[in-house]
PDB file of N, CA and C in Angstrom:
ATOM      1  N   THR A   1       0.963  13.570   8.677  1.00  0.00           N
ATOM      2  CA  THR A   1       0.742  14.998   8.536  1.00  0.00           C
ATOM      3  C   THR A   1       0.156  15.526   9.834  1.00  0.00           C
ATOM      4  N   GLY A   2       0.694  16.611  10.270  1.00  0.00           N
ATOM      5  CA  GLY A   2       0.182  17.253  11.470  1.00  0.00           C
ATOM      6  C   GLY A   2      -0.537  18.528  11.093  1.00  0.00           C
ATOM      7  N   GLY A   3      -1.182  19.114  12.045  1.00  0.00           N
ATOM      8  CA  GLY A   3      -1.901  20.335  11.758  1.00  0.00           C
ATOM      9  C   GLY A   3      -2.087  21.161  13.016  1.00  0.00           C
ATOM     10  N   ALA A   4      -2.465  22.408  12.818  1.00  0.00           N
ATOM     11  CA  ALA A   4      -2.693  23.300  13.947  1.00  0.00           C
ATOM     12  C   ALA A   4      -3.776  24.299  13.578  1.00  0.00           C
ATOM     13  N   GLY A   5      -4.613  24.612  14.566  1.00  0.00           N
ATOM     14  CA  GLY A   5      -5.618  25.643  14.383  1.00  0.00           C
ATOM     15  C   GLY A   5      -4.996  27.017  14.586  1.00  0.00           C
ATOM     16  N   LEU A   6      -5.398  27.971  13.779  1.00  0.00           N
ATOM     17  CA  LEU A   6      -4.886  29.336  13.881  1.00  0.00           C
ATOM     18  C   LEU A   6      -5.902  30.222  14.596  1.00  0.00           C
ATOM     19  N   VAL A   7      -5.464  31.397  15.064  1.00  0.00           N
ATOM     20  CA  VAL A   7      -6.330  32.271  15.854  1.00  0.00           C
ATOM     21  C   VAL A   7      -7.554  32.749  15.083  1.00  0.00           C
ATOM     22  N   ASP A   8      -7.472  32.796  13.759  1.00  0.00           N
ATOM     23  CA  ASP A   8      -8.619  33.254  12.974  1.00  0.00           C
ATOM     24  C   ASP A   8      -9.603  32.125  12.666  1.00  0.00           C
ATOM     25  N   GLY A   9      -9.350  30.925  13.221  1.00  0.00           N
ATOM     26  CA  GLY A   9     -10.251  29.797  13.006  1.00  0.00           C
ATOM     27  C   GLY A   9      -9.855  28.905  11.844  1.00  0.00           C
ATOM     28  N   SER A  10      -8.892  29.331  11.057  1.00  0.00           N
ATOM     29  CA  SER A  10      -8.440  28.480   9.952  1.00  0.00           C
ATOM     30  C   SER A  10      -7.507  27.401  10.494  1.00  0.00           C
ATOM     31  N   TYR A  11      -7.097  26.537   9.619  1.00  0.00           N
ATOM     32  CA  TYR A  11      -6.302  25.381  10.022  1.00  0.00           C
ATOM     33  C   TYR A  11      -5.180  25.191   9.021  1.00  0.00           C
ATOM     34  N   VAL A  12      -3.985  24.914   9.480  1.00  0.00           N
ATOM     35  CA  VAL A  12      -2.860  24.671   8.583  1.00  0.00           C
ATOM     36  C   VAL A  12      -2.343  23.261   8.845  1.00  0.00           C
ATOM     37  N   ARG A  13      -2.051  22.549   7.752  1.00  0.00           N
ATOM     38  CA  ARG A  13      -1.533  21.181   7.869  1.00  0.00           C
ATOM     39  C   ARG A  13      -0.109  21.151   7.339  1.00  0.00           C
ATOM     40  N   MET A  14       0.746  20.397   8.038  1.00  0.00           N
ATOM     41  CA  MET A  14       2.156  20.329   7.661  1.00  0.00           C
ATOM     42  C   MET A  14       2.612  18.871   7.652  1.00  0.00           C
ATOM     43  N   PRO A  15       3.211  18.432   6.550  1.00  0.00           N
ATOM     44  CA  PRO A  15       3.741  17.063   6.532  1.00  0.00           C
ATOM     45  C   PRO A  15       4.948  16.961   7.461  1.00  0.00           C
ATOM     46  N   PHE A  16       5.058  15.835   8.156  1.00  0.00           N
ATOM     47  CA  PHE A  16       6.202  15.671   9.043  1.00  0.00           C
ATOM     48  C   PHE A  16       6.986  14.394   8.775  1.00  0.00           C
ATOM     49  N   ARG A  17       6.622  13.668   7.731  1.00  0.00           N
ATOM     50  CA  ARG A  17       7.402  12.492   7.348  1.00  0.00           C
ATOM     51  C   ARG A  17       7.198  12.216   5.872  1.00  0.00           C
ATOM     52  N   ALA A  18       8.074  11.404   5.324  1.00  0.00           N
ATOM     53  CA  ALA A  18       7.971  11.003   3.921  1.00  0.00           C
ATOM     54  C   ALA A  18       8.274   9.513   3.829  1.00  0.00           C
ATOM     55  N   TRP A  19       7.779   8.879   2.771  1.00  0.00           N
ATOM     56  CA  TRP A  19       7.992   7.444   2.568  1.00  0.00           C
ATOM     57  C   TRP A  19       8.802   7.247   1.296  1.00  0.00           C
ATOM     58  N   TYR A  20       9.843   6.450   1.393  1.00  0.00           N
ATOM     59  CA  TYR A  20      10.741   6.186   0.268  1.00  0.00           C
ATOM     60  C   TYR A  20      10.918   4.686   0.076  1.00  0.00           C
ATOM     61  N   VAL A  21      11.147   4.272  -1.171  1.00  0.00           N
ATOM     62  CA  VAL A  21      11.494   2.884  -1.473  1.00  0.00           C
ATOM     63  C   VAL A  21      12.962   2.709  -1.099  1.00  0.00           C
ATOM     64  N   HIS A  22      13.258   1.753  -0.234  1.00  0.00           N
ATOM     65  CA  HIS A  22      14.609   1.582   0.301  1.00  0.00           C
ATOM     66  C   HIS A  22      15.642   1.347  -0.798  1.00  0.00           C
ATOM     67  N   GLN A  23      15.349   0.471  -1.754  1.00  0.00           N
ATOM     68  CA  GLN A  23      16.335   0.105  -2.776  1.00  0.00           C
ATOM     69  C   GLN A  23      16.645   1.243  -3.743  1.00  0.00           C
ATOM     70  N   THR A  24      15.672   2.101  -4.023  1.00  0.00           N
ATOM     71  CA  THR A  24      15.850   3.117  -5.065  1.00  0.00           C
ATOM     72  C   THR A  24      15.790   4.555  -4.561  1.00  0.00           C
ATOM     73  N   ASP A  25      15.462   4.759  -3.297  1.00  0.00           N
ATOM     74  CA  ASP A  25      15.242   6.096  -2.724  1.00  0.00           C
ATOM     75  C   ASP A  25      14.125   6.853  -3.441  1.00  0.00           C
ATOM     76  N   GLU A  26      13.222   6.127  -4.099  1.00  0.00           N
ATOM     77  CA  GLU A  26      12.090   6.751  -4.791  1.00  0.00           C
ATOM     78  C   GLU A  26      11.100   7.291  -3.766  1.00  0.00           C
ATOM     79  N   ASN A  27      10.722   8.557  -3.919  1.00  0.00           N
ATOM     80  CA  ASN A  27       9.747   9.180  -3.042  1.00  0.00           C
ATOM     81  C   ASN A  27       8.358   8.684  -3.432  1.00  0.00           C
ATOM     82  N   MET A  28       7.614   8.160  -2.484  1.00  0.00           N
ATOM     83  CA  MET A  28       6.294   7.599  -2.774  1.00  0.00           C
ATOM     84  C   MET A  28       5.164   8.597  -2.525  1.00  0.00           C
ATOM     85  N   GLU A  29       5.488   9.870  -2.409  1.00  0.00           N
ATOM     86  CA  GLU A  29       4.487  10.886  -2.090  1.00  0.00           C
ATOM     87  C   GLU A  29       3.302  10.864  -3.057  1.00  0.00           C
ATOM     88  N   HIS A  30       3.562  10.791  -4.350  1.00  0.00           N
ATOM     89  CA  HIS A  30       2.469  10.858  -5.323  1.00  0.00           C
ATOM     90  C   HIS A  30       2.339   9.582  -6.139  1.00  0.00           C
ATOM     91  N   GLY A  31       2.820   8.476  -5.613  1.00  0.00           N
ATOM     92  CA  GLY A  31       2.735   7.219  -6.346  1.00  0.00           C
ATOM     93  C   GLY A  31       2.414   6.072  -5.406  1.00  0.00           C
ATOM     94  N   PRO A  32       1.688   5.110  -5.879  1.00  0.00           N
ATOM     95  CA  PRO A  32       1.314   3.979  -5.032  1.00  0.00           C
ATOM     96  C   PRO A  32       2.468   2.995  -4.868  1.00  0.00           C
ATOM     97  N   ALA A  33       2.385   2.188  -3.840  1.00  0.00           N
ATOM     98  CA  ALA A  33       3.332   1.086  -3.674  1.00  0.00           C
ATOM     99  C   ALA A  33       3.025   0.038  -4.734  1.00  0.00           C
ATOM    100  N   ARG A  34       4.054  -0.493  -5.354  1.00  0.00           N
ATOM    101  CA  ARG A  34       3.867  -1.530  -6.360  1.00  0.00           C
ATOM    102  C   ARG A  34       4.150  -2.882  -5.711  1.00  0.00           C
ATOM    103  N   PRO A  35       3.212  -3.798  -5.774  1.00  0.00           N
ATOM    104  CA  PRO A  35       3.410  -5.098  -5.138  1.00  0.00           C
ATOM    105  C   PRO A  35       4.483  -5.917  -5.845  1.00  0.00           C
ATOM    106  N   ASP A  36       5.123  -6.806  -5.098  1.00  0.00           N
ATOM    107  CA  ASP A  36       6.123  -7.708  -5.675  1.00  0.00           C
ATOM    108  C   ASP A  36       5.472  -8.693  -6.633  1.00  0.00           C
ATOM    109  N   ILE A  37       4.251  -9.083  -6.334  1.00  0.00           N
ATOM    110  CA  ILE A  37       3.523 -10.050  -7.163  1.00  0.00           C
ATOM    111  C   ILE A  37       2.199  -9.414  -7.577  1.00  0.00           C
ATOM    112  N   GLN A  38       1.989  -9.274  -8.872  1.00  0.00           N
ATOM    113  CA  GLN A  38       0.733  -8.726  -9.386  1.00  0.00           C
ATOM    114  C   GLN A  38      -0.317  -9.833  -9.436  1.00  0.00           C
ATOM    115  N   VAL A  39      -1.512  -9.539  -8.941  1.00  0.00           N
ATOM    116  CA  VAL A  39      -2.608 -10.508  -8.952  1.00  0.00           C
ATOM    117  C   VAL A  39      -3.844  -9.820  -9.509  1.00  0.00           C
ATOM    118  N   GLU A  40      -4.452 -10.442 -10.491  1.00  0.00           N
ATOM    119  CA  GLU A  40      -5.707  -9.927 -11.048  1.00  0.00           C
ATOM    120  C   GLU A  40      -6.786 -10.060  -9.977  1.00  0.00           C
ATOM    121  N   ASN A  41      -7.506  -8.975  -9.721  1.00  0.00           N
ATOM    122  CA  ASN A  41      -8.512  -8.965  -8.667  1.00  0.00           C
ATOM    123  C   ASN A  41      -9.777  -8.279  -9.193  1.00  0.00           C
ATOM    124  N   PRO A  42     -10.513  -8.960 -10.081  1.00  0.00           N
ATOM    125  CA  PRO A  42     -11.680  -8.325 -10.706  1.00  0.00           C
ATOM    126  C   PRO A  42     -12.798  -8.048  -9.700  1.00  0.00           C
ATOM    127  N   PRO A  43     -13.610  -7.029  -9.976  1.00  0.00           N
ATOM    128  CA  PRO A  43     -14.731  -6.723  -9.093  1.00  0.00           C
ATOM    129  C   PRO A  43     -15.683  -7.913  -8.983  1.00  0.00           C
ATOM    130  N   GLY A  44     -16.178  -8.140  -7.816  1.00  0.00           N
ATOM    131  CA  GLY A  44     -17.168  -9.192  -7.612  1.00  0.00           C
ATOM    132  C   GLY A  44     -16.593 -10.566  -7.351  1.00  0.00           C
ATOM    133  N   ILE A  45     -15.283 -10.740  -7.433  1.00  0.00           N
ATOM    134  CA  ILE A  45     -14.707 -12.078  -7.271  1.00  0.00           C
ATOM    135  C   ILE A  45     -14.898 -12.592  -5.849  1.00  0.00           C
ATOM    136  N   LYS A  46     -14.815 -11.709  -4.861  1.00  0.00           N
ATOM    137  CA  LYS A  46     -15.000 -12.151  -3.473  1.00  0.00           C
ATOM    138  C   LYS A  46     -16.446 -12.553  -3.208  1.00  0.00           C
ATOM    139  N   ALA A  47     -17.375 -11.981  -3.961  1.00  0.00           N
ATOM    140  CA  ALA A  47     -18.774 -12.379  -3.817  1.00  0.00           C
ATOM    141  C   ALA A  47     -18.964 -13.835  -4.214  1.00  0.00           C
ATOM    142  N   ASP A  48     -18.067 -14.336  -5.074  1.00  0.00           N
ATOM    143  CA  ASP A  48     -18.107 -15.740  -5.479  1.00  0.00           C
ATOM    144  C   ASP A  48     -17.375 -16.636  -4.490  1.00  0.00           C
ATOM    145  N   GLY A  49     -16.859 -16.040  -3.396  1.00  0.00           N
ATOM    146  CA  GLY A  49     -16.159 -16.823  -2.387  1.00  0.00           C
ATOM    147  C   GLY A  49     -14.702 -17.084  -2.706  1.00  0.00           C
ATOM    148  N   GLU A  50     -14.149 -16.368  -3.681  1.00  0.00           N
ATOM    149  CA  GLU A  50     -12.748 -16.552  -4.055  1.00  0.00           C
ATOM    150  C   GLU A  50     -11.922 -15.367  -3.566  1.00  0.00           C
ATOM    151  N   ASP A  51     -10.658 -15.626  -3.275  1.00  0.00           N
ATOM    152  CA  ASP A  51      -9.733 -14.566  -2.889  1.00  0.00           C
ATOM    153  C   ASP A  51      -8.400 -14.830  -3.579  1.00  0.00           C
ATOM    154  N   PRO A  52      -8.255 -14.357  -4.831  1.00  0.00           N
ATOM    155  CA  PRO A  52      -7.038 -14.655  -5.588  1.00  0.00           C
ATOM    156  C   PRO A  52      -5.772 -14.082  -4.954  1.00  0.00           C
ATOM    157  N   GLN A  53      -5.882 -12.966  -4.251  1.00  0.00           N
ATOM    158  CA  GLN A  53      -4.700 -12.396  -3.603  1.00  0.00           C
ATOM    159  C   GLN A  53      -4.222 -13.300  -2.470  1.00  0.00           C
ATOM    160  N   LEU A  54      -5.148 -13.779  -1.664  1.00  0.00           N
ATOM    161  CA  LEU A  54      -4.783 -14.684  -0.574  1.00  0.00           C
ATOM    162  C   LEU A  54      -4.218 -15.983  -1.131  1.00  0.00           C
ATOM    163  N   ARG A  55      -4.858 -16.523  -2.160  1.00  0.00           N
ATOM    164  CA  ARG A  55      -4.380 -17.772  -2.766  1.00  0.00           C
ATOM    165  C   ARG A  55      -2.948 -17.616  -3.271  1.00  0.00           C
ATOM    166  N   ARG A  56      -2.668 -16.509  -3.966  1.00  0.00           N
ATOM    167  CA  ARG A  56      -1.322 -16.291  -4.509  1.00  0.00           C
ATOM    168  C   ARG A  56      -0.306 -16.033  -3.398  1.00  0.00           C
ATOM    169  N   ALA A  57      -0.714 -15.373  -2.328  1.00  0.00           N
ATOM    170  CA  ALA A  57       0.188 -15.139  -1.198  1.00  0.00           C
ATOM    171  C   ALA A  57       0.591 -16.456  -0.551  1.00  0.00           C
ATOM    172  N   VAL A  58      -0.373 -17.357  -0.372  1.00  0.00           N
ATOM    173  CA  VAL A  58      -0.073 -18.670   0.208  1.00  0.00           C
ATOM    174  C   VAL A  58       0.855 -19.445  -0.720  1.00  0.00           C
ATOM    175  N   GLU A  59       0.591 -19.405  -2.028  1.00  0.00           N
ATOM    176  CA  GLU A  59       1.471 -20.086  -2.994  1.00  0.00           C
ATOM    177  C   GLU A  59       2.901 -19.557  -2.891  1.00  0.00           C
ATOM    178  N   ALA A  60       3.053 -18.241  -2.810  1.00  0.00           N
ATOM    179  CA  ALA A  60       4.388 -17.639  -2.734  1.00  0.00           C
ATOM    180  C   ALA A  60       5.106 -18.055  -1.456  1.00  0.00           C
ATOM    181  N   LEU A  61       4.389 -18.094  -0.347  1.00  0.00           N
ATOM    182  CA  LEU A  61       5.008 -18.511   0.915  1.00  0.00           C
ATOM    183  C   LEU A  61       5.427 -19.971   0.876  1.00  0.00           C
ATOM    184  N   LEU A  62       4.591 -20.820   0.290  1.00  0.00           N
ATOM    185  CA  LEU A  62       4.948 -22.238   0.184  1.00  0.00           C
ATOM    186  C   LEU A  62       6.152 -22.428  -0.735  1.00  0.00           C
ATOM    187  N   GLU A  63       6.202 -21.677  -1.834  1.00  0.00           N
ATOM    188  CA  GLU A  63       7.357 -21.745  -2.738  1.00  0.00           C
ATOM    189  C   GLU A  63       8.628 -21.313  -2.009  1.00  0.00           C
ATOM    190  N   GLU A  64       8.528 -20.239  -1.240  1.00  0.00           N
ATOM    191  CA  GLU A  64       9.687 -19.725  -0.506  1.00  0.00           C
ATOM    192  C   GLU A  64      10.162 -20.736   0.541  1.00  0.00           C
ATOM    193  N   ARG A  65       9.225 -21.384   1.195  1.00  0.00           N
ATOM    194  CA  ARG A  65       9.567 -22.377   2.215  1.00  0.00           C
ATOM    195  C   ARG A  65      10.274 -23.583   1.605  1.00  0.00           C
ATOM    196  N   ASN A  66       9.888 -23.959   0.386  1.00  0.00           N
ATOM    197  CA  ASN A  66      10.452 -25.139  -0.266  1.00  0.00           C
ATOM    198  C   ASN A  66      11.786 -24.871  -0.952  1.00  0.00           C
ATOM    199  N   GLU A  67      12.235 -23.636  -0.982  1.00  0.00           N
ATOM    200  CA  GLU A  67      13.513 -23.320  -1.642  1.00  0.00           C
ATOM    201  C   GLU A  67      14.683 -23.761  -0.796  1.00  0.00           C
TER     202      GLU A  67
END
């Protein structure tokens, strides 16, 4: 998003790009990206020294390599 100051001191912002899902042409303007692999990530888990997202990412890469 770009913007410009106006002579009266106000400011106007204008979008200059959009993000779409390649396979479906779904506009992601008001929706989050959905991950390929869902991982439960409860609050406080990293305080215990665990990183379930990293663990699952490594598992997925190893599975892909072994295919």
